[in-house]
Amino acid sequence: MKTCLVVDDSKVIRKVARHILETLDFTVSEACDGREALDACRAAAPDVVLLDWNMPVMSGMEFLRALRDSDVAGRPKVVFCTTENGMGHIRAAIEAGADEYVMKPFDRDTLQSKLRIVGVA
């Protein structure tokens, strides 16, 4: 079974994402900020990380850069999931190593299509 780490400071978003991902046969874990997510990836790297942009402690971009510079095995795919929709944000995320980008609010079909694009669904 594929694994996904949902990283968002919103408990509601984590709950919605978990529900969708579990219907897609993912085992889901959660983190409320980038620091917690980085620790989780070091402990057991997921197949994919669903990542918010704006979070306390460590932002999504800070997490992404730290993940790409780390020794985390297996290089998890990263899908940004955010309200930041400007081309500059999308370009910055892709240049920093994100594999895909999805806008909030999202639904099951949108998330599933993005996970297929990155090769984990």
Protein backbone atom coordinates (compact mmCIF):
# COMPACT_ATOMS: atom_id res chain seq x y z
CA MET A 1 0.00 0.00 0.00
CA LYS A 2 1.25 3.49 -0.87
CA THR A 3 1.95 5.99 1.92
CA CYS A 4 1.23 9.70 2.10
CA LEU A 5 2.24 12.31 4.64
CA VAL A 6 -0.27 15.17 4.79
CA VAL A 7 1.41 18.37 6.02
CA ASP A 8 -0.93 21.23 6.86
CA ASP A 9 -1.50 23.42 9.90
CA SER A 10 -5.27 23.10 9.38
CA LYS A 11 -6.74 20.09 11.13
CA VAL A 12 -9.77 20.29 8.80
CA ILE A 13 -7.62 20.11 5.66
CA ARG A 14 -5.66 17.18 7.11
CA LYS A 15 -8.93 15.38 7.89
CA VAL A 16 -10.37 15.98 4.40
CA ALA A 17 -7.14 14.92 2.71
CA ARG A 18 -6.89 11.82 4.90
CA HIS A 19 -10.43 10.79 3.98
CA ILE A 20 -9.79 11.20 0.25
CA LEU A 21 -6.41 9.47 0.35
CA GLU A 22 -7.74 6.52 2.33
CA THR A 23 -10.45 6.00 -0.33
CA LEU A 24 -7.56 5.85 -2.82
CA ASP A 25 -5.92 3.08 -0.73
CA PHE A 26 -3.17 5.18 0.84
CA THR A 27 -1.87 4.74 4.35
CA VAL A 28 -1.90 8.29 5.71
CA SER A 29 0.13 10.04 8.38
CA GLU A 30 -0.08 13.71 9.33
CA ALA A 31 2.14 16.60 10.37
CA CYS A 32 1.06 20.11 11.37
CA ASP A 33 4.20 21.95 10.19
CA GLY A 34 7.34 21.47 8.13
CA ARG A 35 9.59 20.63 11.07
CA GLU A 36 7.31 17.81 12.21
CA ALA A 37 7.07 16.62 8.59
CA LEU A 38 10.84 16.55 8.14
CA ASP A 39 11.21 14.49 11.31
CA ALA A 40 8.50 12.10 10.06
CA CYS A 41 10.24 11.71 6.68
CA ARG A 42 13.55 10.95 8.38
CA ALA A 43 11.86 8.29 10.51
CA ALA A 44 10.01 6.64 7.61
CA ALA A 45 9.92 8.26 4.17
CA PRO A 46 6.44 8.22 2.59
CA ASP A 47 5.81 7.66 -1.11
CA VAL A 48 4.31 11.14 -1.40
CA VAL A 49 3.99 14.31 0.68
CA LEU A 50 0.90 16.50 0.31
CA LEU A 51 2.30 19.86 1.41
CA ASP A 52 0.78 23.19 2.45
CA TRP A 53 2.69 26.40 1.69
CA ASN A 54 1.90 28.65 4.68
CA MET A 55 2.57 27.04 8.06
CA PRO A 56 4.13 28.06 11.37
CA VAL A 57 7.54 26.78 12.55
CA MET A 58 8.70 25.73 9.05
CA SER A 59 6.87 26.71 5.85
CA GLY A 60 6.22 24.36 2.97
CA MET A 61 9.04 25.89 0.92
CA GLU A 62 11.48 25.62 3.83
CA PHE A 63 10.45 21.99 4.32
CA LEU A 64 10.84 21.21 0.62
CA ARG A 65 14.35 22.67 0.47
CA ALA A 66 15.35 20.85 3.68
CA LEU A 67 13.91 17.57 2.35
CA ARG A 68 15.78 17.86 -0.94
CA ASP A 69 19.03 18.65 0.95
CA SER A 70 18.52 15.80 3.44
CA ASP A 71 19.54 12.16 3.37
CA VAL A 72 15.91 10.95 3.42
CA ALA A 73 15.79 7.67 1.55
CA GLY A 74 13.61 7.15 -1.49
CA ARG A 75 13.04 10.84 -2.34
CA PRO A 76 9.30 11.18 -1.70
CA LYS A 77 7.21 12.85 -4.37
CA VAL A 78 5.94 16.26 -3.22
CA VAL A 79 2.60 17.74 -4.21
CA PHE A 80 2.03 21.30 -2.99
CA CYS A 81 -1.57 21.79 -1.91
CA THR A 82 -2.18 25.47 -1.27
CA THR A 83 -4.20 28.63 -1.86
CA GLU A 84 -1.10 30.30 -3.35
CA ASN A 85 -2.02 30.33 -7.05
CA GLY A 86 0.30 32.91 -8.60
CA MET A 87 2.60 31.77 -11.38
CA GLY A 88 5.56 32.97 -9.31
CA HIS A 89 4.59 30.65 -6.45
CA ILE A 90 4.06 27.69 -8.77
CA ARG A 91 7.37 28.31 -10.54
CA ALA A 92 9.22 28.67 -7.22
CA ALA A 93 7.74 25.41 -5.94
CA ILE A 94 8.70 23.46 -9.05
CA GLU A 95 12.19 24.97 -9.09
CA ALA A 96 12.61 24.02 -5.41
CA GLY A 97 11.79 20.41 -6.24
CA ALA A 98 8.01 20.00 -6.01
CA ASP A 99 6.64 17.37 -8.37
CA GLU A 100 3.15 18.79 -8.75
CA TYR A 101 0.84 21.56 -7.52
CA VAL A 102 -2.85 21.48 -6.57
CA MET A 103 -5.08 24.33 -5.48
CA LYS A 104 -7.30 24.39 -2.40
CA PRO A 105 -10.08 23.56 -2.21
CA PHE A 106 -9.50 20.25 -3.94
CA ASP A 107 -11.67 17.21 -4.52
CA ARG A 108 -11.00 13.49 -4.89
CA ASP A 109 -10.76 13.56 -8.71
CA THR A 110 -8.31 16.47 -8.75
CA LEU A 111 -6.09 14.93 -6.09
CA GLN A 112 -6.19 11.52 -7.74
CA SER A 113 -5.18 13.00 -11.11
CA LYS A 114 -2.21 14.82 -9.54
CA LEU A 115 -1.09 11.64 -7.77
CA ARG A 116 -1.27 9.77 -11.07
CA ILE A 117 0.85 12.44 -12.75
CA VAL A 118 3.61 11.96 -10.15
CA GLY A 119 3.28 8.18 -10.43
CA VAL A 120 1.94 7.19 -7.01
CA ALA A 121 -1.76 6.51 -7.68
